Amino acid sequence: MRMGFQRFRRGMGLAGSAAKSIVLSPKEAVRLLARPAHETTAMYADSARLRAEMRIDVGALNAQFAAAPFASFASQVVAAAHFDDEAFLGWSPLVRDGTFRYHRKWWEYAFILERARQAGVLEPNRRALGFGVGTEPLPAVLASRGLKVLATDQAAENAGEWAESGQHAHSLASLSRPLVIDDITLAERVEFATVDMNELPDHLGAFDLVWSSCALEHLGSPQAGLQFLMRSLDYLRPGAVAIHTTEFELTQRSETADYGHCAIYRPQDLEQLAREVLERGFEIELNLHVPMATPQDRFIALAVAQPQPTDLAHLKLAVGGSISTSIGLAIRKPRSDS
């Protein structure tokens, strides 16, 4: 049965809201300057988070979309509640790297694995293709389930800061996860190749699972990322799934934020993407509900790369002039007999 594009509505936009700022009185400024340095830094951080939270504009989205459980096939936004979901907890030991709990990267990995499980492709001898894998755990986890994996990343000479920060894969050794799967079995089931996501080749073959984790927004422009996603669907066998995670804009913008190194997609960008996916005969359910119910959902991290020791969560981030969070997109190619 063909999965419908539920809850999608044409012309849905965001309600506008004016950004607010915080102004200190002279007395408040004197008291601020008299505080110890660590307290002053904390106050500035709290003030920045408050200003950022005031810029979040998701009322119209949340009036249209209801919160969905983690264990659904919907394309959805990360939520603090997902971290207590039984399905998420099942993947957590395999994808977490460190003790910080509410980190959107762990959610992205678990989202990809859970959607693949629901699609029925986490089976021995299925084929999986990963783009921009860096040093993520997914190739090892998939191989531990018996899948044959083609893991790809950009050429080392183009990796730049990704290589400098240890997030670039240069060979199969970068994907080693001995607690998940031994290196000998990993080498038997995982192949590594260099692939430019802006110029995808035709010779890679057909796969049951195609994925990327927060890679498509780094391809040079917003349009380049969306073109990659649509092109990645060409590698799907009937019944297969493409699962990608990316940045989702929480402020109202007339144009998609393009910071050169990172694009942040607006709701209307993803609505248009979903229309094109459906027009090509693929299946998607788009749920753009943005959780704001808990302190972890409302917390805005000011350090993009890594959470700070005092951070409550790392689910929403201040990036340039944007407030961003993670969204996962799950797209299925119908079976030929459906």
Protein backbone atom coordinates (compact mmCIF):
# COMPACT_ATOMS: atom_id res chain seq x y z
CA MET A 1 0.00 0.00 0.00
CA ARG A 2 1.31 3.42 -0.90
CA MET A 3 2.12 5.58 2.10
CA GLY A 4 0.46 8.95 1.75
CA PHE A 5 1.93 12.34 2.42
CA GLN A 6 -0.14 12.91 5.54
CA ARG A 7 -0.82 16.32 7.03
CA PHE A 8 0.91 18.12 4.16
CA ARG A 9 -0.95 21.29 3.15
CA ARG A 10 -0.21 23.75 0.42
CA GLY A 11 0.48 27.33 1.27
CA MET A 12 1.23 26.69 4.92
CA GLY A 13 3.51 29.40 6.29
CA LEU A 14 4.87 30.63 9.57
CA ALA A 15 3.22 33.30 11.62
CA GLY A 16 5.42 36.35 11.93
CA SER A 17 6.78 37.57 15.23
CA ALA A 18 9.09 40.48 15.95
CA ALA A 19 12.50 39.65 17.39
CA LYS A 20 13.09 41.16 20.82
CA SER A 21 16.27 42.27 22.51
CA ILE A 22 17.35 42.73 26.09
CA VAL A 23 18.54 46.18 27.20
CA LEU A 24 20.32 46.67 30.54
CA SER A 25 19.71 49.77 32.64
CA PRO A 26 22.79 51.69 33.90
CA LYS A 27 22.38 50.16 37.38
CA GLU A 28 22.09 46.65 35.94
CA ALA A 29 25.18 47.24 33.83
CA VAL A 30 27.17 48.34 36.90
CA ARG A 31 26.05 45.24 38.81
CA LEU A 32 26.97 43.08 35.84
CA LEU A 33 30.48 44.51 35.62
CA ALA A 34 30.97 43.99 39.36
CA ARG A 35 30.30 40.26 39.10
CA PRO A 36 33.09 37.66 38.89
CA ALA A 37 34.15 36.86 35.32
CA HIS A 38 32.57 33.38 35.27
CA GLU A 39 29.22 34.77 36.43
CA THR A 40 29.35 37.53 33.82
CA THR A 41 30.04 34.98 31.07
CA ALA A 42 27.12 32.86 32.24
CA MET A 43 24.81 35.88 32.28
CA TYR A 44 25.79 36.84 28.73
CA ALA A 45 25.17 33.26 27.60
CA ASP A 46 21.76 33.17 29.28
CA SER A 47 20.88 36.53 27.72
CA ALA A 48 21.92 35.29 24.26
CA ARG A 49 19.83 32.14 24.67
CA LEU A 50 16.82 34.16 25.74
CA ARG A 51 17.13 36.45 22.73
CA ALA A 52 17.52 33.41 20.48
CA GLU A 53 14.48 31.67 21.97
CA MET A 54 12.39 34.79 21.33
CA ARG A 55 13.23 34.45 17.62
CA ILE A 56 11.89 30.90 17.33
CA ASP A 57 8.67 31.06 15.31
CA VAL A 58 6.93 27.70 15.08
CA GLY A 59 3.40 28.45 16.28
CA ALA A 60 1.79 27.93 12.88
CA LEU A 61 3.71 24.69 12.32
CA ASN A 62 2.62 23.27 15.65
CA ALA A 63 -0.97 24.23 14.93
CA GLN A 64 -0.80 22.08 11.78
CA PHE A 65 1.27 19.12 12.97
CA ALA A 66 0.95 16.98 16.09
CA ALA A 67 3.90 15.51 17.97
CA ALA A 68 4.77 12.05 16.66
CA PRO A 69 6.45 9.20 18.56
CA PHE A 70 10.01 8.35 17.63
CA ALA A 71 8.94 4.90 16.44
CA SER A 72 6.92 6.03 13.45
CA PHE A 73 7.96 6.23 9.81
CA ALA A 74 7.32 9.96 9.67
CA SER A 75 9.98 12.44 8.64
CA GLN A 76 10.23 14.46 11.83
CA VAL A 77 12.13 16.89 14.07
CA VAL A 78 14.23 15.78 17.03
CA ALA A 79 12.43 15.90 20.42
CA ALA A 80 13.67 15.44 23.96
CA ALA A 81 10.85 12.93 24.52
CA HIS A 82 12.37 10.66 21.87
CA PHE A 83 15.34 9.99 24.15
CA ASP A 84 13.01 8.07 26.49
CA ASP A 85 11.27 6.20 23.66
CA GLU A 86 11.78 2.43 23.83
CA ALA A 87 12.82 2.30 20.18
CA PHE A 88 15.44 5.02 20.69
CA LEU A 89 16.79 3.35 23.83
CA GLY A 90 17.30 0.18 21.83
CA TRP A 91 19.72 1.95 19.50
CA SER A 92 21.31 4.27 22.07
CA PRO A 93 24.14 1.95 23.24
CA LEU A 94 25.27 1.52 19.62
CA VAL A 95 25.25 5.16 18.55
CA ARG A 96 26.15 7.24 21.60
CA ASP A 97 29.71 8.41 22.00
CA GLY A 98 30.10 9.94 25.43
CA THR A 99 27.88 10.67 28.40
CA PHE A 100 26.03 13.76 27.15
CA ARG A 101 22.42 12.63 26.88
CA TYR A 102 20.34 15.06 24.81
CA HIS A 103 22.58 15.32 21.75
CA ARG A 104 20.92 15.60 18.37
CA LYS A 105 23.71 13.62 16.66
CA TRP A 106 22.81 10.49 18.65
CA TRP A 107 19.20 11.08 17.62
CA GLU A 108 20.15 11.36 13.93
CA TYR A 109 21.96 8.03 13.96
CA ALA A 110 19.09 6.33 15.80
CA PHE A 111 16.53 7.92 13.44
CA ILE A 112 18.30 6.42 10.42
CA LEU A 113 18.56 2.98 11.98
CA GLU A 114 14.98 2.93 13.26
CA ARG A 115 13.52 3.99 9.91
CA ALA A 116 15.63 1.33 8.18
CA ARG A 117 14.36 -1.27 10.64
CA GLN A 118 10.75 -0.26 10.01
CA ALA A 119 11.34 -0.50 6.26
CA GLY A 120 12.53 -4.09 6.71
CA VAL A 121 16.01 -3.53 5.27
CA LEU A 122 18.14 -4.37 8.33
CA GLU A 123 18.65 -7.93 7.18
CA PRO A 124 21.75 -9.96 6.24
CA ASN A 125 23.06 -9.42 2.71
CA ARG A 126 20.97 -6.29 2.12
CA ARG A 127 23.02 -3.48 0.54
CA ALA A 128 23.49 -0.06 2.13
CA LEU A 129 25.13 3.08 0.74
CA GLY A 130 26.28 5.89 3.03
CA PHE A 131 27.37 9.38 1.98
CA GLY A 132 29.69 11.68 3.91
CA VAL A 133 30.06 9.04 6.61
CA GLY A 134 33.04 10.59 8.37
CA THR A 135 33.73 8.57 11.51
CA GLU A 136 30.09 7.86 12.35
CA PRO A 137 29.09 4.46 13.79
CA LEU A 138 26.44 3.56 11.21
CA PRO A 139 28.62 1.49 8.82
CA ALA A 140 29.75 -0.67 11.73
CA VAL A 141 26.23 -1.04 13.15
CA LEU A 142 24.79 -1.99 9.76
CA ALA A 143 27.62 -4.46 9.15
CA SER A 144 26.93 -6.03 12.55
CA ARG A 145 23.42 -6.78 11.25
CA GLY A 146 24.88 -8.60 8.26
CA LEU A 147 24.43 -5.84 5.64
CA LYS A 148 26.92 -5.22 2.84
CA VAL A 149 27.88 -1.55 3.16
CA LEU A 150 29.47 0.91 0.74
CA ALA A 151 30.64 3.80 2.94
CA THR A 152 31.77 6.96 1.14
CA ASP A 153 33.31 10.31 1.98
CA GLN A 154 34.90 13.15 0.06
CA ALA A 155 38.53 13.07 -1.06
CA ALA A 156 41.04 13.85 1.68
CA GLU A 157 42.44 16.85 -0.20
CA ASN A 158 38.99 18.46 -0.12
CA ALA A 159 38.12 17.59 3.47
CA GLY A 160 39.58 20.74 5.06
CA GLU A 161 38.23 21.34 8.57
CA TRP A 162 36.49 17.96 8.60
CA ALA A 163 39.88 16.25 8.42
CA GLU A 164 41.42 18.65 10.93
CA SER A 165 38.68 17.92 13.47
CA GLY A 166 38.89 14.15 12.98
CA GLN A 167 35.45 13.90 11.35
CA HIS A 168 36.60 12.78 7.91
CA ALA A 169 36.91 9.14 6.79
CA HIS A 170 40.02 8.47 4.73
CA SER A 171 39.86 4.67 4.78
CA LEU A 172 38.08 1.70 6.32
CA ALA A 173 40.17 2.19 9.47
CA SER A 174 38.20 5.40 10.19
CA LEU A 175 35.04 3.29 10.62
CA SER A 176 36.41 0.82 13.17
CA ARG A 177 34.04 0.18 16.11
CA PRO A 178 35.45 -2.86 17.92
CA LEU A 179 32.69 -2.80 20.56
CA VAL A 180 30.11 -3.14 17.77
CA ILE A 181 31.87 -5.46 15.32
CA ASP A 182 35.40 -6.83 15.07
CA ASP A 183 37.67 -5.31 12.44
CA ILE A 184 38.01 -8.53 10.43
CA THR A 185 34.25 -8.87 9.96
CA LEU A 186 33.98 -5.14 9.33
CA ALA A 187 36.47 -5.45 6.47
CA GLU A 188 34.49 -8.35 5.00
CA ARG A 189 31.21 -6.45 4.97
CA VAL A 190 32.16 -2.78 4.49
CA GLU A 191 33.85 -1.21 1.48
CA PHE A 192 35.13 2.37 1.56
CA ALA A 193 35.16 4.67 -1.48
CA THR A 194 35.74 8.34 -2.23
CA VAL A 195 32.63 10.02 -3.68
CA ASP A 196 31.86 13.69 -4.37
CA MET A 197 28.28 14.29 -3.23
CA ASN A 198 27.97 17.10 -5.79
CA GLU A 199 28.85 14.76 -8.65
CA LEU A 200 27.34 11.38 -7.87
CA PRO A 201 28.51 8.60 -10.22
CA ASP A 202 26.23 6.20 -12.06
CA HIS A 203 28.23 3.04 -11.39
CA LEU A 204 27.61 2.53 -7.66
CA GLY A 205 24.69 0.13 -8.19
CA ALA A 206 21.32 -0.39 -6.49
CA PHE A 207 20.76 -0.47 -2.74
CA ASP A 208 18.16 -1.29 -0.10
CA LEU A 209 19.23 1.63 2.09
CA VAL A 210 20.80 4.97 1.20
CA TRP A 211 21.65 7.39 4.00
CA SER A 212 23.49 10.53 5.05
CA SER A 213 23.69 12.18 8.47
CA CYS A 214 23.84 15.98 8.43
CA ALA A 215 25.99 16.07 5.30
CA LEU A 216 23.79 17.46 2.52
CA GLU A 217 23.66 20.99 3.99
CA HIS A 218 27.44 21.29 3.59
CA LEU A 219 27.57 20.92 -0.22
CA GLY A 220 28.09 24.61 -1.01
CA SER A 221 24.54 25.91 -1.42
CA PRO A 222 20.99 25.04 -0.30
CA GLN A 223 20.09 23.93 -3.82
CA ALA A 224 23.12 21.64 -4.06
CA GLY A 225 21.99 19.78 -0.95
CA LEU A 226 18.46 19.27 -2.26
CA GLN A 227 19.75 18.17 -5.65
CA PHE A 228 21.95 15.58 -3.95
CA LEU A 229 18.98 14.23 -1.99
CA MET A 230 16.84 13.86 -5.11
CA ARG A 231 19.75 12.26 -7.00
CA SER A 232 20.32 9.77 -4.16
CA LEU A 233 16.88 8.29 -4.86
CA ASP A 234 18.21 6.92 -8.15
CA TYR A 235 20.18 4.29 -6.20
CA LEU A 236 17.09 2.75 -4.57
CA ARG A 237 15.73 -0.67 -5.42
CA PRO A 238 11.94 -1.17 -5.29
CA GLY A 239 10.94 -1.25 -1.60
CA ALA A 240 14.18 0.48 -0.55
CA VAL A 241 14.53 3.64 1.55
CA ALA A 242 16.62 6.81 1.51
CA ILE A 243 17.08 8.35 4.95
CA HIS A 244 18.79 11.70 5.39
CA THR A 245 19.11 14.12 8.29
CA THR A 246 19.77 17.84 7.90
CA GLU A 247 19.39 21.31 9.43
CA PHE A 248 15.91 22.77 10.01
CA GLU A 249 15.30 26.51 10.37
CA LEU A 250 13.22 27.71 13.35
CA THR A 251 13.14 31.43 12.56
CA GLN A 252 11.12 33.15 9.88
CA ARG A 253 13.23 33.92 6.81
CA SER A 254 12.32 35.11 3.34
CA GLU A 255 15.23 33.10 1.88
CA THR A 256 17.01 29.92 2.88
CA ALA A 257 19.98 30.64 5.14
CA ASP A 258 23.23 29.97 3.29
CA TYR A 259 26.34 30.42 5.42
CA GLY A 260 28.67 28.99 2.78
CA HIS A 261 29.76 26.07 4.93
CA CYS A 262 26.19 25.29 5.99
CA ALA A 263 22.64 25.71 4.64
CA ILE A 264 19.64 25.64 6.97
CA TYR A 265 16.39 24.56 5.34
CA ARG A 266 13.09 26.34 5.97
CA PRO A 267 9.75 24.52 6.31
CA GLN A 268 8.73 25.70 2.83
CA ASP A 269 11.96 24.26 1.38
CA LEU A 270 11.10 20.84 2.72
CA GLU A 271 7.47 21.14 1.66
CA GLN A 272 8.65 21.78 -1.90
CA LEU A 273 11.08 18.88 -1.64
CA ALA A 274 8.24 16.59 -0.52
CA ARG A 275 6.13 17.67 -3.50
CA GLU A 276 8.95 16.74 -5.86
CA VAL A 277 9.47 13.40 -4.10
CA LEU A 278 5.80 12.56 -4.51
CA GLU A 279 5.75 13.69 -8.13
CA ARG A 280 8.55 11.22 -8.86
CA GLY A 281 6.45 8.40 -7.43
CA PHE A 282 8.24 7.98 -4.08
CA GLU A 283 6.58 7.98 -0.65
CA ILE A 284 7.09 10.40 2.24
CA GLU A 285 5.19 11.50 5.32
CA LEU A 286 6.32 14.94 6.46
CA ASN A 287 5.69 16.02 10.06
CA LEU A 288 7.09 19.47 10.87
CA HIS A 289 6.02 19.65 14.51
CA VAL A 290 8.76 21.40 16.54
CA PRO A 291 8.87 20.26 20.19
CA MET A 292 9.00 23.11 22.71
CA ALA A 293 7.40 21.43 25.73
CA THR A 294 10.42 20.68 27.90
CA PRO A 295 13.45 22.68 29.10
CA GLN A 296 15.64 20.45 26.92
CA ASP A 297 13.52 21.25 23.87
CA ARG A 298 13.72 25.00 24.55
CA PHE A 299 17.43 25.12 25.36
CA ILE A 300 19.56 26.70 22.63
CA ALA A 301 23.21 25.67 22.46
CA LEU A 302 25.59 28.49 21.58
CA ALA A 303 28.56 26.22 20.75
CA VAL A 304 27.73 24.41 17.52
CA ALA A 305 30.43 21.73 17.45
CA GLN A 306 30.33 20.29 20.95
CA PRO A 307 28.03 20.79 23.96
CA GLN A 308 29.49 22.68 26.90
CA PRO A 309 29.57 21.09 30.38
CA THR A 310 26.81 23.43 31.56
CA ASP A 311 24.54 22.83 28.53
CA LEU A 312 21.19 21.26 29.28
CA ALA A 313 20.83 19.87 25.76
CA HIS A 314 22.27 20.02 22.24
CA LEU A 315 19.04 19.79 20.22
CA LYS A 316 18.64 23.40 19.06
CA LEU A 317 21.60 25.53 18.00
CA ALA A 318 22.36 29.16 17.25
CA VAL A 319 24.03 29.15 13.81
CA GLY A 320 24.80 32.57 12.36
CA GLY A 321 21.48 34.41 12.27
CA SER A 322 19.51 31.17 12.44
CA ILE A 323 18.19 28.89 15.13
CA SER A 324 18.52 25.35 13.84
CA THR A 325 17.58 21.84 14.88
CA SER A 326 17.77 18.40 13.29
CA ILE A 327 15.15 16.90 11.03
CA GLY A 328 15.14 13.39 9.61
CA LEU A 329 13.69 12.66 6.16
CA ALA A 330 12.57 9.13 5.28
CA ILE A 331 11.69 8.38 1.65
CA ARG A 332 10.58 5.01 0.30
CA LYS A 333 10.55 3.68 -3.24
CA PRO A 334 7.35 1.64 -3.75
CA ARG A 335 7.62 -2.02 -4.60
CA SER A 336 6.98 -2.73 -8.24
CA ASP A 337 4.00 -4.95 -7.31
CA SER A 338 2.29 -2.37 -5.05
